[in-house]
């Protein structure tokens, strides 16, 4: 599986794990940008999370962005374990994450 798809699945898995009661399976994760930073071990990843229902957006974001941060942090930890990716990875960083429908 390509790294982009793997990252998207990890993020979706974390969202469903943390919100299993609120959001059945009505979300999709799309990696918009996957780019290595020259001269570093960092990979910048821009991700959109699409919600099936407008009412789900607030739940995915959470109060003050708390749920989105929780999802991003857990996904980042898992992604850093991938052998083919650099050890430091930026996922859903501030100013990079967008929630759209």
PDB file of N, CA and C in Angstrom:
ATOM      1  N   UNK A   1       0.854  -1.177   0.000  1.00  0.00           N
ATOM      2  CA  UNK A   1       0.000   0.000   0.000  1.00  0.00           C
ATOM      3  C   UNK A   1       0.904   1.246   0.000  1.00  0.00           C
ATOM      4  N   UNK A   2       0.629   2.209  -0.862  1.00  0.00           N
ATOM      5  CA  UNK A   2       1.422   3.441  -0.885  1.00  0.00           C
ATOM      6  C   UNK A   2       1.321   4.199   0.441  1.00  0.00           C
ATOM      7  N   UNK A   3       2.381   4.944   0.756  1.00  0.00           N
ATOM      8  CA  UNK A   3       2.421   5.658   2.032  1.00  0.00           C
ATOM      9  C   UNK A   3       1.244   6.618   2.205  1.00  0.00           C
ATOM     10  N   UNK A   4       0.843   7.303   1.143  1.00  0.00           N
ATOM     11  CA  UNK A   4      -0.288   8.238   1.236  1.00  0.00           C
ATOM     12  C   UNK A   4      -1.544   7.523   1.730  1.00  0.00           C
ATOM     13  N   UNK A   5      -1.833   6.389   1.125  1.00  0.00           N
ATOM     14  CA  UNK A   5      -3.030   5.637   1.508  1.00  0.00           C
ATOM     15  C   UNK A   5      -2.914   5.119   2.939  1.00  0.00           C
ATOM     16  N   UNK A   6      -1.726   4.695   3.311  1.00  0.00           N
ATOM     17  CA  UNK A   6      -1.509   4.183   4.658  1.00  0.00           C
ATOM     18  C   UNK A   6      -1.726   5.287   5.696  1.00  0.00           C
ATOM     19  N   UNK A   7      -1.193   6.466   5.434  1.00  0.00           N
ATOM     20  CA  UNK A   7      -1.375   7.601   6.342  1.00  0.00           C
ATOM     21  C   UNK A   7      -2.860   7.941   6.455  1.00  0.00           C
ATOM     22  N   UNK A   8      -3.558   7.991   5.339  1.00  0.00           N
ATOM     23  CA  UNK A   8      -4.991   8.298   5.355  1.00  0.00           C
ATOM     24  C   UNK A   8      -5.761   7.270   6.179  1.00  0.00           C
ATOM     25  N   UNK A   9      -5.422   6.016   6.037  1.00  0.00           N
ATOM     26  CA  UNK A   9      -6.120   4.968   6.788  1.00  0.00           C
ATOM     27  C   UNK A   9      -5.836   5.062   8.280  1.00  0.00           C
ATOM     28  N   UNK A  10      -4.609   5.393   8.644  1.00  0.00           N
ATOM     29  CA  UNK A  10      -4.276   5.537  10.063  1.00  0.00           C
ATOM     30  C   UNK A  10      -5.070   6.691  10.669  1.00  0.00           C
ATOM     31  N   UNK A  11      -5.151   7.808   9.963  1.00  0.00           N
ATOM     32  CA  UNK A  11      -5.905   8.955  10.476  1.00  0.00           C
ATOM     33  C   UNK A  11      -7.385   8.605  10.605  1.00  0.00           C
ATOM     34  N   UNK A  12      -7.933   7.944   9.604  1.00  0.00           N
ATOM     35  CA  UNK A  12      -9.348   7.540   9.657  1.00  0.00           C
ATOM     36  C   UNK A  12      -9.588   6.561  10.817  1.00  0.00           C
ATOM     37  N   UNK A  13      -8.661   5.630  10.993  1.00  0.00           N
ATOM     38  CA  UNK A  13      -8.778   4.661  12.089  1.00  0.00           C
ATOM     39  C   UNK A  13      -8.807   5.370  13.443  1.00  0.00           C
ATOM     40  N   UNK A  14      -7.935   6.351  13.626  1.00  0.00           N
ATOM     41  CA  UNK A  14      -7.897   7.077  14.902  1.00  0.00           C
ATOM     42  C   UNK A  14      -9.175   7.877  15.105  1.00  0.00           C
ATOM     43  N   UNK A  15      -9.681   8.497  14.058  1.00  0.00           N
ATOM     44  CA  UNK A  15     -10.935   9.242  14.174  1.00  0.00           C
ATOM     45  C   UNK A  15     -12.071   8.322  14.598  1.00  0.00           C
ATOM     46  N   UNK A  16     -12.161   7.173  13.971  1.00  0.00           N
ATOM     47  CA  UNK A  16     -13.230   6.226  14.312  1.00  0.00           C
ATOM     48  C   UNK A  16     -13.033   5.643  15.713  1.00  0.00           C
ATOM     49  N   UNK A  17     -11.789   5.431  16.102  1.00  0.00           N
ATOM     50  CA  UNK A  17     -11.498   4.893  17.431  1.00  0.00           C
ATOM     51  C   UNK A  17     -11.950   5.861  18.520  1.00  0.00           C
ATOM     52  N   UNK A  18     -11.610   7.140  18.357  1.00  0.00           N
ATOM     53  CA  UNK A  18     -11.928   8.123  19.391  1.00  0.00           C
ATOM     54  C   UNK A  18     -13.378   8.581  19.347  1.00  0.00           C
ATOM     55  N   UNK A  19     -14.069   8.362  18.228  1.00  0.00           N
ATOM     56  CA  UNK A  19     -15.438   8.851  18.103  1.00  0.00           C
ATOM     57  C   UNK A  19     -16.394   7.745  17.666  1.00  0.00           C
ATOM     58  N   UNK A  20     -16.146   6.548  18.069  1.00  0.00           N
ATOM     59  CA  UNK A  20     -16.924   5.410  17.576  1.00  0.00           C
ATOM     60  C   UNK A  20     -18.425   5.529  17.840  1.00  0.00           C
ATOM     61  N   UNK A  21     -18.808   6.216  18.909  1.00  0.00           N
ATOM     62  CA  UNK A  21     -20.231   6.353  19.205  1.00  0.00           C
ATOM     63  C   UNK A  21     -20.876   7.518  18.448  1.00  0.00           C
ATOM     64  N   UNK A  22     -20.085   8.568  18.195  1.00  0.00           N
ATOM     65  CA  UNK A  22     -20.641   9.761  17.560  1.00  0.00           C
ATOM     66  C   UNK A  22     -20.717   9.657  16.043  1.00  0.00           C
ATOM     67  N   UNK A  23     -19.656   9.167  15.428  1.00  0.00           N
ATOM     68  CA  UNK A  23     -19.564   9.165  13.963  1.00  0.00           C
ATOM     69  C   UNK A  23     -19.445   7.713  13.504  1.00  0.00           C
ATOM     70  N   UNK A  24     -20.499   7.136  12.976  1.00  0.00           N
ATOM     71  CA  UNK A  24     -20.423   5.726  12.594  1.00  0.00           C
ATOM     72  C   UNK A  24     -19.263   5.452  11.639  1.00  0.00           C
ATOM     73  N   UNK A  25     -19.412   5.710  10.402  1.00  0.00           N
ATOM     74  CA  UNK A  25     -18.307   5.542   9.456  1.00  0.00           C
ATOM     75  C   UNK A  25     -18.441   6.575   8.358  1.00  0.00           C
ATOM     76  N   UNK A  26     -19.032   7.692   8.700  1.00  0.00           N
ATOM     77  CA  UNK A  26     -19.344   8.716   7.710  1.00  0.00           C
ATOM     78  C   UNK A  26     -18.243   9.721   7.472  1.00  0.00           C
ATOM     79  N   UNK A  27     -16.979   9.285   7.535  1.00  0.00           N
ATOM     80  CA  UNK A  27     -15.882  10.199   7.227  1.00  0.00           C
ATOM     81  C   UNK A  27     -14.930   9.558   6.223  1.00  0.00           C
ATOM     82  N   UNK A  28     -14.263  10.416   5.491  1.00  0.00           N
ATOM     83  CA  UNK A  28     -13.227   9.966   4.559  1.00  0.00           C
ATOM     84  C   UNK A  28     -12.021  10.874   4.757  1.00  0.00           C
ATOM     85  N   UNK A  29     -10.838  10.319   4.589  1.00  0.00           N
ATOM     86  CA  UNK A  29      -9.597  11.077   4.746  1.00  0.00           C
ATOM     87  C   UNK A  29      -8.864  11.071   3.412  1.00  0.00           C
ATOM     88  N   UNK A  30      -8.488  12.264   2.954  1.00  0.00           N
ATOM     89  CA  UNK A  30      -7.779  12.395   1.681  1.00  0.00           C
ATOM     90  C   UNK A  30      -6.468  13.149   1.928  1.00  0.00           C
ATOM     91  N   UNK A  31      -5.354  12.541   1.529  1.00  0.00           N
ATOM     92  CA  UNK A  31      -4.058  13.207   1.633  1.00  0.00           C
ATOM     93  C   UNK A  31      -3.913  14.114   0.415  1.00  0.00           C
ATOM     94  N   UNK A  32      -3.847  15.416   0.663  1.00  0.00           N
ATOM     95  CA  UNK A  32      -3.757  16.397  -0.411  1.00  0.00           C
ATOM     96  C   UNK A  32      -2.307  16.674  -0.819  1.00  0.00           C
ATOM     97  N   UNK A  33      -1.400  16.614   0.165  1.00  0.00           N
ATOM     98  CA  UNK A  33       0.011  16.878  -0.121  1.00  0.00           C
ATOM     99  C   UNK A  33       0.861  15.972   0.754  1.00  0.00           C
ATOM    100  N   UNK A  34       1.885  15.396   0.170  1.00  0.00           N
ATOM    101  CA  UNK A  34       2.805  14.501   0.855  1.00  0.00           C
ATOM    102  C   UNK A  34       4.190  14.848   0.317  1.00  0.00           C
ATOM    103  N   UNK A  35       4.929  15.664   1.061  1.00  0.00           N
ATOM    104  CA  UNK A  35       6.176  16.179   0.521  1.00  0.00           C
ATOM    105  C   UNK A  35       7.284  16.147   1.568  1.00  0.00           C
ATOM    106  N   UNK A  36       8.424  15.585   1.189  1.00  0.00           N
ATOM    107  CA  UNK A  36       9.583  15.586   2.069  1.00  0.00           C
ATOM    108  C   UNK A  36      10.233  16.958   2.055  1.00  0.00           C
ATOM    109  N   UNK A  37      10.683  17.415   3.222  1.00  0.00           N
ATOM    110  CA  UNK A  37      11.392  18.688   3.312  1.00  0.00           C
ATOM    111  C   UNK A  37      12.852  18.436   2.952  1.00  0.00           C
ATOM    112  N   UNK A  38      13.372  19.159   1.983  1.00  0.00           N
ATOM    113  CA  UNK A  38      14.771  18.970   1.579  1.00  0.00           C
ATOM    114  C   UNK A  38      15.727  19.214   2.748  1.00  0.00           C
ATOM    115  N   UNK A  39      16.698  18.331   2.893  1.00  0.00           N
ATOM    116  CA  UNK A  39      17.721  18.484   3.915  1.00  0.00           C
ATOM    117  C   UNK A  39      17.290  18.116   5.321  1.00  0.00           C
ATOM    118  N   UNK A  40      16.085  17.555   5.479  1.00  0.00           N
ATOM    119  CA  UNK A  40      15.600  17.161   6.811  1.00  0.00           C
ATOM    120  C   UNK A  40      14.996  15.770   6.733  1.00  0.00           C
ATOM    121  N   UNK A  41      14.608  15.257   7.909  1.00  0.00           N
ATOM    122  CA  UNK A  41      13.910  13.975   7.978  1.00  0.00           C
ATOM    123  C   UNK A  41      12.400  14.172   8.088  1.00  0.00           C
ATOM    124  N   UNK A  42      11.919  15.362   7.782  1.00  0.00           N
ATOM    125  CA  UNK A  42      10.501  15.674   7.951  1.00  0.00           C
ATOM    126  C   UNK A  42       9.713  15.466   6.666  1.00  0.00           C
ATOM    127  N   UNK A  43       8.474  15.062   6.840  1.00  0.00           N
ATOM    128  CA  UNK A  43       7.527  14.940   5.742  1.00  0.00           C
ATOM    129  C   UNK A  43       6.326  15.798   6.106  1.00  0.00           C
ATOM    130  N   UNK A  44       5.955  16.714   5.223  1.00  0.00           N
ATOM    131  CA  UNK A  44       4.764  17.532   5.435  1.00  0.00           C
ATOM    132  C   UNK A  44       3.588  16.856   4.756  1.00  0.00           C
ATOM    133  N   UNK A  45       2.520  16.700   5.502  1.00  0.00           N
ATOM    134  CA  UNK A  45       1.328  16.041   4.975  1.00  0.00           C
ATOM    135  C   UNK A  45       0.128  16.931   5.245  1.00  0.00           C
ATOM    136  N   UNK A  46      -0.567  17.315   4.197  1.00  0.00           N
ATOM    137  CA  UNK A  46      -1.821  18.055   4.332  1.00  0.00           C
ATOM    138  C   UNK A  46      -2.957  17.075   4.090  1.00  0.00           C
ATOM    139  N   UNK A  47      -3.913  17.091   4.984  1.00  0.00           N
ATOM    140  CA  UNK A  47      -5.001  16.117   4.952  1.00  0.00           C
ATOM    141  C   UNK A  47      -6.344  16.828   5.069  1.00  0.00           C
ATOM    142  N   UNK A  48      -7.303  16.394   4.303  1.00  0.00           N
ATOM    143  CA  UNK A  48      -8.686  16.836   4.457  1.00  0.00           C
ATOM    144  C   UNK A  48      -9.490  15.677   5.019  1.00  0.00           C
ATOM    145  N   UNK A  49     -10.332  15.986   5.982  1.00  0.00           N
ATOM    146  CA  UNK A  49     -11.276  14.999   6.509  1.00  0.00           C
ATOM    147  C   UNK A  49     -12.653  15.426   6.030  1.00  0.00           C
ATOM    148  N   UNK A  50     -13.283  14.581   5.259  1.00  0.00           N
ATOM    149  CA  UNK A  50     -14.609  14.864   4.714  1.00  0.00           C
ATOM    150  C   UNK A  50     -15.660  14.145   5.549  1.00  0.00           C
ATOM    151  N   UNK A  51     -16.689  14.884   5.930  1.00  0.00           N
ATOM    152  CA  UNK A  51     -17.773  14.324   6.738  1.00  0.00           C
ATOM    153  C   UNK A  51     -19.002  14.109   5.870  1.00  0.00           C
ATOM    154  N   UNK A  52     -19.644  12.986   6.091  1.00  0.00           N
ATOM    155  CA  UNK A  52     -20.870  12.665   5.357  1.00  0.00           C
ATOM    156  C   UNK A  52     -21.985  13.641   5.725  1.00  0.00           C
ATOM    157  N   UNK A  53     -22.008  14.046   6.980  1.00  0.00           N
ATOM    158  CA  UNK A  53     -23.040  14.964   7.458  1.00  0.00           C
ATOM    159  C   UNK A  53     -22.408  16.236   7.998  1.00  0.00           C
ATOM    160  N   UNK A  54     -23.037  17.338   7.700  1.00  0.00           N
ATOM    161  CA  UNK A  54     -22.563  18.643   8.163  1.00  0.00           C
ATOM    162  C   UNK A  54     -22.446  18.670   9.691  1.00  0.00           C
ATOM    163  N   UNK A  55     -23.361  18.017  10.369  1.00  0.00           N
ATOM    164  CA  UNK A  55     -23.373  18.025  11.835  1.00  0.00           C
ATOM    165  C   UNK A  55     -22.172  17.299  12.435  1.00  0.00           C
ATOM    166  N   UNK A  56     -21.483  16.478  11.673  1.00  0.00           N
ATOM    167  CA  UNK A  56     -20.331  15.733  12.183  1.00  0.00           C
ATOM    168  C   UNK A  56     -19.063  16.583  12.278  1.00  0.00           C
ATOM    169  N   UNK A  57     -19.007  17.676  11.504  1.00  0.00           N
ATOM    170  CA  UNK A  57     -17.792  18.499  11.487  1.00  0.00           C
ATOM    171  C   UNK A  57     -17.393  18.964  12.883  1.00  0.00           C
ATOM    172  N   UNK A  58     -18.343  19.491  13.613  1.00  0.00           N
ATOM    173  CA  UNK A  58     -18.058  19.976  14.958  1.00  0.00           C
ATOM    174  C   UNK A  58     -17.544  18.889  15.874  1.00  0.00           C
ATOM    175  N   UNK A  59     -18.076  17.685  15.721  1.00  0.00           N
ATOM    176  CA  UNK A  59     -17.628  16.573  16.552  1.00  0.00           C
ATOM    177  C   UNK A  59     -16.193  16.167  16.213  1.00  0.00           C
ATOM    178  N   UNK A  60     -15.856  16.201  14.933  1.00  0.00           N
ATOM    179  CA  UNK A  60     -14.503  15.834  14.512  1.00  0.00           C
ATOM    180  C   UNK A  60     -13.502  16.887  14.990  1.00  0.00           C
ATOM    181  N   UNK A  61     -13.880  18.144  14.908  1.00  0.00           N
ATOM    182  CA  UNK A  61     -12.988  19.210  15.360  1.00  0.00           C
ATOM    183  C   UNK A  61     -12.880  19.210  16.884  1.00  0.00           C
ATOM    184  N   UNK A  62     -14.016  19.108  17.559  1.00  0.00           N
ATOM    185  CA  UNK A  62     -14.023  19.123  19.018  1.00  0.00           C
ATOM    186  C   UNK A  62     -13.898  20.539  19.558  1.00  0.00           C
ATOM    187  N   UNK A  63     -14.121  20.680  20.838  1.00  0.00           N
ATOM    188  CA  UNK A  63     -14.061  21.998  21.482  1.00  0.00           C
ATOM    189  C   UNK A  63     -12.632  22.530  21.416  1.00  0.00           C
ATOM    190  N   UNK A  64     -12.487  23.689  20.783  1.00  0.00           N
ATOM    191  CA  UNK A  64     -11.167  24.294  20.650  1.00  0.00           C
ATOM    192  C   UNK A  64     -10.197  23.468  19.823  1.00  0.00           C
ATOM    193  N   UNK A  65     -10.715  22.572  18.993  1.00  0.00           N
ATOM    194  CA  UNK A  65      -9.858  21.730  18.157  1.00  0.00           C
ATOM    195  C   UNK A  65      -9.290  20.528  18.890  1.00  0.00           C
ATOM    196  N   UNK A  66      -9.800  20.235  20.091  1.00  0.00           N
ATOM    197  CA  UNK A  66      -9.233  19.169  20.928  1.00  0.00           C
ATOM    198  C   UNK A  66      -9.304  17.786  20.281  1.00  0.00           C
ATOM    199  N   UNK A  67     -10.436  17.458  19.660  1.00  0.00           N
ATOM    200  CA  UNK A  67     -10.558  16.123  19.064  1.00  0.00           C
ATOM    201  C   UNK A  67      -9.641  15.986  17.856  1.00  0.00           C
ATOM    202  N   UNK A  68      -9.573  17.023  17.041  1.00  0.00           N
ATOM    203  CA  UNK A  68      -8.704  16.987  15.870  1.00  0.00           C
ATOM    204  C   UNK A  68      -7.241  16.834  16.301  1.00  0.00           C
ATOM    205  N   UNK A  69      -6.848  17.528  17.363  1.00  0.00           N
ATOM    206  CA  UNK A  69      -5.492  17.408  17.891  1.00  0.00           C
ATOM    207  C   UNK A  69      -5.226  16.003  18.419  1.00  0.00           C
ATOM    208  N   UNK A  70      -6.215  15.424  19.097  1.00  0.00           N
ATOM    209  CA  UNK A  70      -6.074  14.067  19.637  1.00  0.00           C
ATOM    210  C   UNK A  70      -5.902  13.054  18.506  1.00  0.00           C
ATOM    211  N   UNK A  71      -6.708  13.184  17.462  1.00  0.00           N
ATOM    212  CA  UNK A  71      -6.611  12.304  16.298  1.00  0.00           C
ATOM    213  C   UNK A  71      -5.239  12.455  15.642  1.00  0.00           C
ATOM    214  N   UNK A  72      -4.814  13.705  15.440  1.00  0.00           N
ATOM    215  CA  UNK A  72      -3.532  13.975  14.782  1.00  0.00           C
ATOM    216  C   UNK A  72      -2.365  13.422  15.590  1.00  0.00           C
ATOM    217  N   UNK A  73      -2.401  13.612  16.883  1.00  0.00           N
ATOM    218  CA  UNK A  73      -1.310  13.149  17.744  1.00  0.00           C
ATOM    219  C   UNK A  73      -1.183  11.627  17.707  1.00  0.00           C
ATOM    220  N   UNK A  74      -2.309  10.936  17.813  1.00  0.00           N
ATOM    221  CA  UNK A  74      -2.292   9.470  17.787  1.00  0.00           C
ATOM    222  C   UNK A  74      -1.850   8.954  16.416  1.00  0.00           C
ATOM    223  N   UNK A  75      -2.324   9.592  15.355  1.00  0.00           N
ATOM    224  CA  UNK A  75      -1.936   9.186  14.001  1.00  0.00           C
ATOM    225  C   UNK A  75      -0.453   9.436  13.771  1.00  0.00           C
ATOM    226  N   UNK A  76       0.035  10.569  14.241  1.00  0.00           N
ATOM    227  CA  UNK A  76       1.453  10.912  14.088  1.00  0.00           C
ATOM    228  C   UNK A  76       2.331   9.856  14.760  1.00  0.00           C
ATOM    229  N   UNK A  77       1.952   9.440  15.968  1.00  0.00           N
ATOM    230  CA  UNK A  77       2.711   8.428  16.694  1.00  0.00           C
ATOM    231  C   UNK A  77       2.781   7.131  15.898  1.00  0.00           C
ATOM    232  N   UNK A  78       1.651   6.698  15.362  1.00  0.00           N
ATOM    233  CA  UNK A  78       1.631   5.465  14.561  1.00  0.00           C
ATOM    234  C   UNK A  78       2.453   5.616  13.282  1.00  0.00           C
ATOM    235  N   UNK A  79       2.328   6.748  12.610  1.00  0.00           N
ATOM    236  CA  UNK A  79       3.026   6.956  11.341  1.00  0.00           C
ATOM    237  C   UNK A  79       4.536   6.998  11.518  1.00  0.00           C
ATOM    238  N   UNK A  80       5.001   7.454  12.659  1.00  0.00           N
ATOM    239  CA  UNK A  80       6.439   7.505  12.909  1.00  0.00           C
ATOM    240  C   UNK A  80       7.047   6.114  13.000  1.00  0.00           C
ATOM    241  N   UNK A  81       6.213   5.105  13.170  1.00  0.00           N
ATOM    242  CA  UNK A  81       6.695   3.723  13.248  1.00  0.00           C
ATOM    243  C   UNK A  81       6.846   3.062  11.879  1.00  0.00           C
ATOM    244  N   UNK A  82       6.335   3.704  10.822  1.00  0.00           N
ATOM    245  CA  UNK A  82       6.428   3.121   9.491  1.00  0.00           C
ATOM    246  C   UNK A  82       7.887   3.069   9.065  1.00  0.00           C
ATOM    247  N   UNK A  83       8.369   1.907   8.656  1.00  0.00           N
ATOM    248  CA  UNK A  83       9.788   1.784   8.311  1.00  0.00           C
ATOM    249  C   UNK A  83      10.210   2.589   7.089  1.00  0.00           C
ATOM    250  N   UNK A  84       9.326   2.850   6.158  1.00  0.00           N
ATOM    251  CA  UNK A  84       9.713   3.538   4.927  1.00  0.00           C
ATOM    252  C   UNK A  84       9.551   5.050   5.006  1.00  0.00           C
ATOM    253  N   UNK A  85       9.069   5.542   6.139  1.00  0.00           N
ATOM    254  CA  UNK A  85       8.914   6.988   6.311  1.00  0.00           C
ATOM    255  C   UNK A  85       9.972   7.496   7.286  1.00  0.00           C
ATOM    256  N   UNK A  86      10.385   8.742   7.128  1.00  0.00           N
ATOM    257  CA  UNK A  86      11.309   9.322   8.100  1.00  0.00           C
ATOM    258  C   UNK A  86      10.705   9.281   9.494  1.00  0.00           C
ATOM    259  N   UNK A  87      11.545   9.303  10.507  1.00  0.00           N
ATOM    260  CA  UNK A  87      11.064   9.155  11.879  1.00  0.00           C
ATOM    261  C   UNK A  87      10.259  10.353  12.364  1.00  0.00           C
ATOM    262  N   UNK A  88      10.566  11.540  11.872  1.00  0.00           N
ATOM    263  CA  UNK A  88       9.802  12.717  12.275  1.00  0.00           C
ATOM    264  C   UNK A  88       8.784  13.016  11.179  1.00  0.00           C
ATOM    265  N   UNK A  89       7.564  13.182  11.583  1.00  0.00           N
ATOM    266  CA  UNK A  89       6.491  13.326  10.608  1.00  0.00           C
ATOM    267  C   UNK A  89       5.497  14.371  11.087  1.00  0.00           C
ATOM    268  N   UNK A  90       5.107  15.268  10.216  1.00  0.00           N
ATOM    269  CA  UNK A  90       4.112  16.277  10.552  1.00  0.00           C
ATOM    270  C   UNK A  90       2.792  15.882   9.905  1.00  0.00           C
ATOM    271  N   UNK A  91       1.799  15.623  10.735  1.00  0.00           N
ATOM    272  CA  UNK A  91       0.480  15.244  10.243  1.00  0.00           C
ATOM    273  C   UNK A  91      -0.536  16.206  10.837  1.00  0.00           C
ATOM    274  N   UNK A  92      -1.358  16.810   9.986  1.00  0.00           N
ATOM    275  CA  UNK A  92      -2.403  17.716  10.459  1.00  0.00           C
ATOM    276  C   UNK A  92      -1.831  18.821  11.330  1.00  0.00           C
ATOM    277  N   UNK A  93      -0.700  19.384  10.930  1.00  0.00           N
ATOM    278  CA  UNK A  93      -0.073  20.452  11.691  1.00  0.00           C
ATOM    279  C   UNK A  93      -0.929  21.702  11.699  1.00  0.00           C
ATOM    280  N   UNK A  94      -0.651  22.602  12.628  1.00  0.00           N
ATOM    281  CA  UNK A  94      -1.420  23.834  12.719  1.00  0.00           C
ATOM    282  C   UNK A  94      -1.363  24.581  11.402  1.00  0.00           C
ATOM    283  N   UNK A  95      -2.494  25.036  10.944  1.00  0.00           N
ATOM    284  CA  UNK A  95      -2.565  25.762   9.689  1.00  0.00           C
ATOM    285  C   UNK A  95      -2.581  24.850   8.480  1.00  0.00           C
ATOM    286  N   UNK A  96      -2.434  23.551   8.689  1.00  0.00           N
ATOM    287  CA  UNK A  96      -2.439  22.613   7.581  1.00  0.00           C
ATOM    288  C   UNK A  96      -3.700  21.770   7.547  1.00  0.00           C
ATOM    289  N   UNK A  97      -4.301  21.548   8.683  1.00  0.00           N
ATOM    290  CA  UNK A  97      -5.471  20.681   8.704  1.00  0.00           C
ATOM    291  C   UNK A  97      -6.698  21.467   8.289  1.00  0.00           C
ATOM    292  N   UNK A  98      -7.514  20.833   7.498  1.00  0.00           N
ATOM    293  CA  UNK A  98      -8.754  21.447   7.051  1.00  0.00           C
ATOM    294  C   UNK A  98      -9.855  20.398   7.167  1.00  0.00           C
ATOM    295  N   UNK A  99     -11.002  20.852   7.552  1.00  0.00           N
ATOM    296  CA  UNK A  99     -12.155  19.980   7.613  1.00  0.00           C
ATOM    297  C   UNK A  99     -13.140  20.500   6.593  1.00  0.00           C
ATOM    298  N   UNK A 100     -13.473  19.700   5.619  1.00  0.00           N
ATOM    299  CA  UNK A 100     -14.326  20.179   4.529  1.00  0.00           C
ATOM    300  C   UNK A 100     -15.395  19.161   4.218  1.00  0.00           C
ATOM    301  N   UNK A 101     -16.354  19.628   3.472  1.00  0.00           N
ATOM    302  CA  UNK A 101     -17.392  18.697   3.012  1.00  0.00           C
ATOM    303  C   UNK A 101     -17.506  18.819   1.523  1.00  0.00           C
TER     304      UNK A 101
END
